Amino acid sequence: MSACIAAGAGICLLLGVGALIWAEPRFWFFVALAIVAYATLAVMDSRYRARQRELREMESICTFARSFDCRETDTWVIRAVYEEAVVRTRYPVRAADSLTLVGDAEALDDFVDDVAFRCLRSVDAIDCDAAETVQTIGELVTLLSRQPREAQPA
């Protein structure tokens, strides 16, 4: 749903700039329409997040961890991904959830860096092709579990 808001913001910006360039009163209708569209998308996103929070009220990190084979997946990575994702989404996440929940591409890069720092994993060895194929939170856990451990900071 956050992608919807980003698209709405892009449309608002495009229409607003277009109206300001021509500065004709008839184009202000499009600016008002863009503002209404953005506000509608923001309300929809807020309601979506509230609904998800309500539906996942009984879920916890235990529910998330059961989605993985703990013999093959590092539990520190599971915990780090879950805790960072919950901070950003404000509701419990599932392994099948899309990575777009944590934000756009820049926010996603920050998210991966924060998770890697928390679980002492190096992101330097991640291949760009492998990183582009990751679509869900569960796939991110698997990818980070395969990365080499960094030395523990002093």
N, C-alpha and C. Protein backbone atom coordinates (compact mmCIF):
# COMPACT_ATOMS: atom_id res chain seq x y z
N MET A 1 0.82 -1.18 0.00
CA MET A 1 0.00 0.00 0.00
C MET A 1 0.86 1.25 0.00
N SER A 2 2.06 1.19 0.56
CA SER A 2 2.95 2.34 0.57
C SER A 2 3.36 2.75 -0.83
N ALA A 3 3.40 1.77 -1.74
CA ALA A 3 3.71 2.08 -3.13
C ALA A 3 2.60 2.94 -3.72
N CYS A 4 1.37 2.71 -3.28
CA CYS A 4 0.24 3.53 -3.74
C CYS A 4 0.43 4.99 -3.33
N ILE A 5 0.87 5.18 -2.11
CA ILE A 5 1.08 6.55 -1.63
C ILE A 5 2.22 7.21 -2.39
N ALA A 6 3.28 6.45 -2.67
CA ALA A 6 4.40 7.00 -3.43
C ALA A 6 3.94 7.37 -4.84
N ALA A 7 3.11 6.54 -5.45
CA ALA A 7 2.58 6.85 -6.78
C ALA A 7 1.68 8.08 -6.71
N GLY A 8 0.87 8.16 -5.66
CA GLY A 8 0.00 9.32 -5.49
C GLY A 8 0.79 10.60 -5.31
N ALA A 9 1.89 10.51 -4.56
CA ALA A 9 2.74 11.69 -4.36
C ALA A 9 3.38 12.11 -5.68
N GLY A 10 3.77 11.14 -6.48
CA GLY A 10 4.36 11.44 -7.79
C GLY A 10 3.36 12.13 -8.70
N ILE A 11 2.13 11.65 -8.69
CA ILE A 11 1.07 12.25 -9.50
C ILE A 11 0.81 13.67 -9.02
N CYS A 12 0.74 13.85 -7.70
CA CYS A 12 0.52 15.20 -7.14
C CYS A 12 1.61 16.16 -7.58
N LEU A 13 2.83 15.72 -7.50
CA LEU A 13 3.96 16.56 -7.87
C LEU A 13 3.90 16.91 -9.35
N LEU A 14 3.64 15.93 -10.17
CA LEU A 14 3.57 16.16 -11.62
C LEU A 14 2.46 17.14 -11.98
N LEU A 15 1.29 16.91 -11.43
CA LEU A 15 0.16 17.80 -11.73
C LEU A 15 0.37 19.20 -11.15
N GLY A 16 0.92 19.26 -9.95
CA GLY A 16 1.16 20.55 -9.33
C GLY A 16 2.17 21.38 -10.10
N VAL A 17 3.26 20.75 -10.53
CA VAL A 17 4.28 21.46 -11.30
C VAL A 17 3.71 21.91 -12.64
N GLY A 18 2.93 21.03 -13.26
CA GLY A 18 2.31 21.40 -14.53
C GLY A 18 1.39 22.60 -14.38
N ALA A 19 0.62 22.62 -13.31
CA ALA A 19 -0.30 23.74 -13.09
C ALA A 19 0.46 25.03 -12.79
N LEU A 20 1.54 24.92 -12.05
CA LEU A 20 2.31 26.12 -11.74
C LEU A 20 3.04 26.67 -12.96
N ILE A 21 3.45 25.79 -13.86
CA ILE A 21 4.14 26.26 -15.07
C ILE A 21 3.20 27.11 -15.91
N TRP A 22 2.01 26.62 -16.10
CA TRP A 22 1.08 27.38 -16.94
C TRP A 22 0.34 28.45 -16.16
N ALA A 23 0.22 28.29 -14.88
CA ALA A 23 -0.41 29.28 -13.98
C ALA A 23 -1.76 29.76 -14.50
N GLU A 24 -2.49 28.87 -15.02
CA GLU A 24 -3.84 29.17 -15.48
C GLU A 24 -4.82 28.71 -14.41
N PRO A 25 -5.83 29.48 -14.13
CA PRO A 25 -6.80 29.09 -13.11
C PRO A 25 -7.46 27.73 -13.37
N ARG A 26 -7.64 27.39 -14.63
CA ARG A 26 -8.33 26.13 -14.92
C ARG A 26 -7.47 24.92 -14.54
N PHE A 27 -6.15 25.09 -14.40
CA PHE A 27 -5.29 23.97 -14.02
C PHE A 27 -5.28 23.74 -12.51
N TRP A 28 -5.76 24.71 -11.74
CA TRP A 28 -5.81 24.52 -10.29
C TRP A 28 -6.78 23.41 -9.91
N PHE A 29 -7.73 23.14 -10.80
CA PHE A 29 -8.64 22.01 -10.58
C PHE A 29 -7.84 20.71 -10.47
N PHE A 30 -6.82 20.56 -11.32
CA PHE A 30 -6.00 19.35 -11.29
C PHE A 30 -5.15 19.28 -10.03
N VAL A 31 -4.71 20.43 -9.55
CA VAL A 31 -3.96 20.44 -8.30
C VAL A 31 -4.86 19.98 -7.16
N ALA A 32 -6.07 20.52 -7.11
CA ALA A 32 -7.02 20.12 -6.07
C ALA A 32 -7.35 18.63 -6.20
N LEU A 33 -7.51 18.16 -7.42
CA LEU A 33 -7.79 16.74 -7.64
C LEU A 33 -6.62 15.87 -7.17
N ALA A 34 -5.41 16.30 -7.42
CA ALA A 34 -4.23 15.56 -6.99
C ALA A 34 -4.13 15.52 -5.47
N ILE A 35 -4.44 16.63 -4.82
CA ILE A 35 -4.40 16.69 -3.36
C ILE A 35 -5.46 15.75 -2.78
N VAL A 36 -6.65 15.75 -3.35
CA VAL A 36 -7.71 14.85 -2.89
C VAL A 36 -7.30 13.39 -3.10
N ALA A 37 -6.68 13.10 -4.25
CA ALA A 37 -6.23 11.73 -4.53
C ALA A 37 -5.18 11.29 -3.52
N TYR A 38 -4.23 12.17 -3.23
CA TYR A 38 -3.18 11.84 -2.27
C TYR A 38 -3.77 11.63 -0.87
N ALA A 39 -4.68 12.49 -0.47
CA ALA A 39 -5.31 12.35 0.85
C ALA A 39 -6.10 11.04 0.93
N THR A 40 -6.79 10.68 -0.15
CA THR A 40 -7.54 9.44 -0.19
C THR A 40 -6.61 8.24 -0.04
N LEU A 41 -5.48 8.27 -0.75
CA LEU A 41 -4.52 7.17 -0.66
C LEU A 41 -3.91 7.09 0.74
N ALA A 42 -3.67 8.23 1.35
CA ALA A 42 -3.12 8.24 2.71
C ALA A 42 -4.11 7.64 3.70
N VAL A 43 -5.38 7.96 3.56
CA VAL A 43 -6.40 7.40 4.44
C VAL A 43 -6.52 5.89 4.21
N MET A 44 -6.49 5.47 2.94
CA MET A 44 -6.56 4.04 2.64
C MET A 44 -5.38 3.30 3.25
N ASP A 45 -4.18 3.87 3.15
CA ASP A 45 -2.99 3.24 3.73
C ASP A 45 -3.12 3.15 5.24
N SER A 46 -3.62 4.20 5.86
CA SER A 46 -3.79 4.20 7.31
C SER A 46 -4.78 3.12 7.74
N ARG A 47 -5.88 3.00 7.01
CA ARG A 47 -6.87 1.97 7.33
C ARG A 47 -6.32 0.57 7.09
N TYR A 48 -5.53 0.40 6.04
CA TYR A 48 -4.91 -0.89 5.75
C TYR A 48 -3.99 -1.30 6.89
N ARG A 49 -3.16 -0.38 7.34
CA ARG A 49 -2.24 -0.68 8.43
C ARG A 49 -3.00 -0.98 9.73
N ALA A 50 -4.07 -0.25 10.00
CA ALA A 50 -4.86 -0.52 11.20
C ALA A 50 -5.52 -1.90 11.11
N ARG A 51 -6.01 -2.26 9.94
CA ARG A 51 -6.62 -3.58 9.74
C ARG A 51 -5.58 -4.69 9.93
N GLN A 52 -4.38 -4.50 9.38
CA GLN A 52 -3.33 -5.49 9.54
C GLN A 52 -2.93 -5.62 11.01
N ARG A 53 -2.84 -4.50 11.70
CA ARG A 53 -2.50 -4.52 13.12
C ARG A 53 -3.55 -5.32 13.90
N GLU A 54 -4.81 -5.12 13.54
CA GLU A 54 -5.90 -5.82 14.22
C GLU A 54 -5.90 -7.31 13.89
N LEU A 55 -5.69 -7.65 12.62
CA LEU A 55 -5.70 -9.06 12.20
C LEU A 55 -4.53 -9.84 12.78
N ARG A 56 -3.41 -9.17 12.97
CA ARG A 56 -2.19 -9.84 13.43
C ARG A 56 -1.90 -9.59 14.90
N GLU A 57 -2.91 -9.22 15.63
CA GLU A 57 -2.74 -8.86 17.03
C GLU A 57 -2.12 -9.99 17.86
N MET A 58 -2.47 -11.23 17.57
CA MET A 58 -1.99 -12.36 18.36
C MET A 58 -0.67 -12.93 17.84
N GLU A 59 -0.16 -12.40 16.75
CA GLU A 59 1.09 -12.90 16.19
C GLU A 59 2.28 -12.26 16.88
N SER A 60 3.39 -13.00 16.89
CA SER A 60 4.60 -12.50 17.53
C SER A 60 5.81 -13.01 16.76
N ILE A 61 6.97 -12.78 17.33
CA ILE A 61 8.19 -13.27 16.70
C ILE A 61 8.19 -14.80 16.64
N CYS A 62 7.52 -15.44 17.57
CA CYS A 62 7.44 -16.91 17.56
C CYS A 62 6.71 -17.40 16.31
N THR A 63 5.63 -16.74 15.96
CA THR A 63 4.89 -17.09 14.75
C THR A 63 5.76 -16.89 13.52
N PHE A 64 6.50 -15.80 13.50
CA PHE A 64 7.39 -15.50 12.39
C PHE A 64 8.51 -16.53 12.29
N ALA A 65 9.10 -16.89 13.42
CA ALA A 65 10.23 -17.82 13.43
C ALA A 65 9.82 -19.23 13.00
N ARG A 66 8.58 -19.61 13.25
CA ARG A 66 8.12 -20.94 12.83
C ARG A 66 8.05 -21.09 11.32
N SER A 67 8.13 -20.00 10.59
CA SER A 67 8.09 -20.03 9.13
C SER A 67 9.40 -20.53 8.54
N PHE A 68 10.43 -20.65 9.36
CA PHE A 68 11.77 -21.00 8.88
C PHE A 68 12.26 -22.29 9.52
N ASP A 69 13.15 -22.98 8.82
CA ASP A 69 13.84 -24.13 9.38
C ASP A 69 15.02 -23.59 10.18
N CYS A 70 14.92 -23.66 11.49
CA CYS A 70 15.94 -23.05 12.35
C CYS A 70 17.27 -23.79 12.32
N ARG A 71 17.31 -24.97 11.70
CA ARG A 71 18.59 -25.66 11.55
C ARG A 71 19.39 -25.08 10.39
N GLU A 72 18.69 -24.49 9.44
CA GLU A 72 19.36 -23.93 8.26
C GLU A 72 19.42 -22.40 8.28
N THR A 73 18.59 -21.79 9.07
CA THR A 73 18.50 -20.33 9.10
C THR A 73 19.00 -19.82 10.45
N ASP A 74 19.84 -18.81 10.40
CA ASP A 74 20.37 -18.24 11.62
C ASP A 74 19.26 -17.51 12.37
N THR A 75 19.06 -17.88 13.63
CA THR A 75 17.98 -17.29 14.41
C THR A 75 18.24 -15.81 14.73
N TRP A 76 19.51 -15.41 14.74
CA TRP A 76 19.81 -13.98 14.95
C TRP A 76 19.30 -13.16 13.77
N VAL A 77 19.40 -13.72 12.58
CA VAL A 77 18.90 -13.02 11.39
C VAL A 77 17.38 -12.93 11.44
N ILE A 78 16.75 -14.02 11.85
CA ILE A 78 15.28 -14.01 11.97
C ILE A 78 14.84 -12.92 12.93
N ARG A 79 15.47 -12.86 14.09
CA ARG A 79 15.11 -11.85 15.09
C ARG A 79 15.37 -10.43 14.58
N ALA A 80 16.52 -10.22 13.95
CA ALA A 80 16.87 -8.88 13.47
C ALA A 80 15.90 -8.41 12.40
N VAL A 81 15.58 -9.28 11.46
CA VAL A 81 14.64 -8.90 10.39
C VAL A 81 13.27 -8.60 10.97
N TYR A 82 12.80 -9.46 11.86
CA TYR A 82 11.47 -9.26 12.45
C TYR A 82 11.40 -7.95 13.21
N GLU A 83 12.37 -7.72 14.08
CA GLU A 83 12.31 -6.51 14.91
C GLU A 83 12.43 -5.23 14.10
N GLU A 84 13.30 -5.22 13.10
CA GLU A 84 13.42 -4.02 12.25
C GLU A 84 12.16 -3.81 11.42
N ALA A 85 11.57 -4.90 10.92
CA ALA A 85 10.36 -4.77 10.11
C ALA A 85 9.18 -4.28 10.94
N VAL A 86 9.07 -4.76 12.17
CA VAL A 86 7.97 -4.33 13.04
C VAL A 86 8.10 -2.85 13.37
N VAL A 87 9.32 -2.38 13.54
CA VAL A 87 9.53 -0.95 13.82
C VAL A 87 9.03 -0.12 12.64
N ARG A 88 9.28 -0.58 11.43
CA ARG A 88 8.90 0.20 10.25
C ARG A 88 7.43 0.06 9.87
N THR A 89 6.85 -1.12 10.05
CA THR A 89 5.45 -1.32 9.66
C THR A 89 4.46 -1.05 10.78
N ARG A 90 4.93 -1.14 12.02
CA ARG A 90 4.12 -0.94 13.22
C ARG A 90 3.09 -2.05 13.45
N TYR A 91 3.29 -3.20 12.82
CA TYR A 91 2.48 -4.38 13.10
C TYR A 91 3.31 -5.62 12.79
N PRO A 92 2.95 -6.78 13.37
CA PRO A 92 3.73 -7.99 13.14
C PRO A 92 3.77 -8.37 11.66
N VAL A 93 4.93 -8.81 11.21
CA VAL A 93 5.10 -9.19 9.81
C VAL A 93 5.13 -10.70 9.68
N ARG A 94 4.92 -11.16 8.46
CA ARG A 94 4.98 -12.58 8.13
C ARG A 94 6.07 -12.78 7.09
N ALA A 95 6.55 -14.01 6.99
CA ALA A 95 7.61 -14.32 6.03
C ALA A 95 7.15 -14.09 4.60
N ALA A 96 5.88 -14.24 4.33
CA ALA A 96 5.36 -14.08 2.97
C ALA A 96 5.06 -12.62 2.62
N ASP A 97 5.19 -11.71 3.56
CA ASP A 97 4.92 -10.29 3.29
C ASP A 97 5.94 -9.72 2.31
N SER A 98 5.47 -8.81 1.48
CA SER A 98 6.34 -8.17 0.50
C SER A 98 7.29 -7.19 1.18
N LEU A 99 8.46 -7.04 0.58
CA LEU A 99 9.43 -6.08 1.12
C LEU A 99 8.98 -4.63 0.91
N THR A 100 8.00 -4.41 0.06
CA THR A 100 7.52 -3.04 -0.16
C THR A 100 6.84 -2.48 1.09
N LEU A 101 6.53 -3.33 2.06
CA LEU A 101 5.94 -2.84 3.31
C LEU A 101 6.88 -1.93 4.07
N VAL A 102 8.19 -2.16 3.93
CA VAL A 102 9.14 -1.35 4.69
C VAL A 102 9.45 -0.04 4.00
N GLY A 103 9.00 0.14 2.78
CA GLY A 103 9.20 1.43 2.11
C GLY A 103 9.70 1.30 0.69
N ASP A 104 10.15 2.42 0.16
CA ASP A 104 10.65 2.47 -1.21
C ASP A 104 12.07 1.91 -1.27
N ALA A 105 12.72 2.06 -2.41
CA ALA A 105 14.05 1.46 -2.63
C ALA A 105 15.09 2.00 -1.65
N GLU A 106 15.05 3.29 -1.38
CA GLU A 106 16.04 3.88 -0.46
C GLU A 106 15.79 3.39 0.97
N ALA A 107 14.55 3.36 1.38
CA ALA A 107 14.22 2.86 2.71
C ALA A 107 14.55 1.37 2.83
N LEU A 108 14.39 0.64 1.74
CA LEU A 108 14.71 -0.77 1.74
C LEU A 108 16.22 -1.00 1.92
N ASP A 109 17.02 -0.16 1.27
CA ASP A 109 18.47 -0.25 1.44
C ASP A 109 18.86 0.02 2.89
N ASP A 110 18.25 1.03 3.49
CA ASP A 110 18.52 1.33 4.91
C ASP A 110 18.08 0.17 5.80
N PHE A 111 16.94 -0.42 5.46
CA PHE A 111 16.42 -1.56 6.22
C PHE A 111 17.40 -2.73 6.19
N VAL A 112 17.88 -3.07 5.01
CA VAL A 112 18.83 -4.19 4.87
C VAL A 112 20.12 -3.88 5.62
N ASP A 113 20.61 -2.66 5.53
CA ASP A 113 21.83 -2.28 6.24
C ASP A 113 21.65 -2.38 7.76
N ASP A 114 20.50 -1.91 8.25
CA ASP A 114 20.23 -1.97 9.69
C ASP A 114 20.14 -3.41 10.18
N VAL A 115 19.46 -4.26 9.39
CA VAL A 115 19.32 -5.66 9.77
C VAL A 115 20.69 -6.35 9.76
N ALA A 116 21.47 -6.09 8.72
CA ALA A 116 22.80 -6.71 8.63
C ALA A 116 23.68 -6.28 9.79
N PHE A 117 23.58 -5.03 10.19
CA PHE A 117 24.36 -4.56 11.33
C PHE A 117 23.93 -5.26 12.62
N ARG A 118 22.61 -5.42 12.80
CA ARG A 118 22.10 -6.05 14.02
C ARG A 118 22.50 -7.52 14.15
N CYS A 119 22.56 -8.22 13.01
CA CYS A 119 22.87 -9.65 13.08
C CYS A 119 24.31 -9.95 12.68
N LEU A 120 25.13 -8.90 12.57
CA LEU A 120 26.56 -9.04 12.28
C LEU A 120 26.81 -9.78 10.98
N ARG A 121 26.11 -9.40 9.93
CA ARG A 121 26.30 -10.00 8.62
C ARG A 121 26.84 -8.95 7.66
N SER A 122 27.65 -9.40 6.73
CA SER A 122 28.23 -8.50 5.73
C SER A 122 27.32 -8.45 4.51
N VAL A 123 27.01 -7.25 4.06
CA VAL A 123 26.21 -7.11 2.85
C VAL A 123 27.09 -6.85 1.63
N ASP A 124 28.40 -6.80 1.84
CA ASP A 124 29.31 -6.53 0.74
C ASP A 124 29.33 -7.67 -0.27
N ALA A 125 29.10 -8.88 0.18
CA ALA A 125 29.17 -10.05 -0.70
C ALA A 125 27.86 -10.35 -1.42
N ILE A 126 26.82 -9.56 -1.17
CA ILE A 126 25.54 -9.83 -1.82
C ILE A 126 25.62 -9.43 -3.28
N ASP A 127 25.31 -10.38 -4.14
CA ASP A 127 25.30 -10.16 -5.58
C ASP A 127 24.08 -9.31 -5.94
N CYS A 128 24.25 -8.38 -6.86
CA CYS A 128 23.14 -7.50 -7.26
C CYS A 128 21.97 -8.30 -7.83
N ASP A 129 22.27 -9.35 -8.60
CA ASP A 129 21.20 -10.17 -9.17
C ASP A 129 20.43 -10.89 -8.08
N ALA A 130 21.13 -11.37 -7.07
CA ALA A 130 20.47 -12.05 -5.96
C ALA A 130 19.61 -11.07 -5.17
N ALA A 131 20.11 -9.88 -4.97
CA ALA A 131 19.36 -8.87 -4.22
C ALA A 131 18.10 -8.44 -4.96
N GLU A 132 18.15 -8.41 -6.28
CA GLU A 132 16.97 -8.00 -7.05
C GLU A 132 15.88 -9.05 -7.07
N THR A 133 16.24 -10.31 -6.86
CA THR A 133 15.24 -11.37 -6.88
C THR A 133 14.50 -11.50 -5.55
N VAL A 134 15.02 -10.89 -4.51
CA VAL A 134 14.37 -10.96 -3.19
C VAL A 134 13.11 -10.10 -3.22
N GLN A 135 11.97 -10.74 -2.97
CA GLN A 135 10.69 -10.04 -3.02
C GLN A 135 9.97 -10.03 -1.67
N THR A 136 10.25 -11.04 -0.83
CA THR A 136 9.53 -11.15 0.43
C THR A 136 10.49 -11.04 1.62
N ILE A 137 9.92 -10.86 2.78
CA ILE A 137 10.72 -10.77 3.99
C ILE A 137 11.40 -12.10 4.28
N GLY A 138 10.71 -13.19 4.01
CA GLY A 138 11.31 -14.51 4.21
C GLY A 138 12.51 -14.75 3.32
N GLU A 139 12.44 -14.29 2.07
CA GLU A 139 13.58 -14.42 1.16
C GLU A 139 14.76 -13.58 1.63
N LEU A 140 14.48 -12.44 2.25
CA LEU A 140 15.55 -11.61 2.80
C LEU A 140 16.24 -12.32 3.96
N VAL A 141 15.46 -12.98 4.80
CA VAL A 141 16.05 -13.74 5.91
C VAL A 141 16.98 -14.82 5.37
N THR A 142 16.52 -15.53 4.35
CA THR A 142 17.34 -16.59 3.75
C THR A 142 18.61 -16.03 3.14
N LEU A 143 18.49 -14.92 2.43
CA LEU A 143 19.66 -14.30 1.80
C LEU A 143 20.68 -13.84 2.83
N LEU A 144 20.22 -13.19 3.88
CA LEU A 144 21.15 -12.70 4.91
C LEU A 144 21.77 -13.85 5.72
N SER A 145 21.03 -14.95 5.87
CA SER A 145 21.58 -16.09 6.59
C SER A 145 22.75 -16.72 5.84
N ARG A 146 22.76 -16.57 4.54
CA ARG A 146 23.84 -17.15 3.72
C ARG A 146 25.07 -16.25 3.65
N GLN A 147 24.98 -15.04 4.15
CA GLN A 147 26.10 -14.11 4.08
C GLN A 147 27.09 -14.39 5.21
N PRO A 148 28.37 -14.05 4.98
CA PRO A 148 29.39 -14.32 6.01
C PRO A 148 29.21 -13.42 7.23
N ARG A 149 29.57 -13.95 8.37
CA ARG A 149 29.52 -13.16 9.62
C ARG A 149 30.67 -12.19 9.66
N GLU A 150 30.41 -11.02 10.21
CA GLU A 150 31.47 -10.04 10.43
C GLU A 150 32.03 -10.26 11.83
N ALA A 151 33.23 -9.74 12.03
CA ALA A 151 33.81 -9.81 13.37
C ALA A 151 32.99 -8.94 14.30
N GLN A 152 32.85 -9.38 15.52
CA GLN A 152 32.05 -8.64 16.48
C GLN A 152 32.74 -7.33 16.83
N PRO A 153 32.02 -6.20 16.77
CA PRO A 153 32.64 -4.92 17.08
C PRO A 153 33.09 -4.86 18.54
N ALA A 154 34.17 -4.14 18.75
CA ALA A 154 34.72 -4.05 20.12
C ALA A 154 33.92 -3.12 20.98
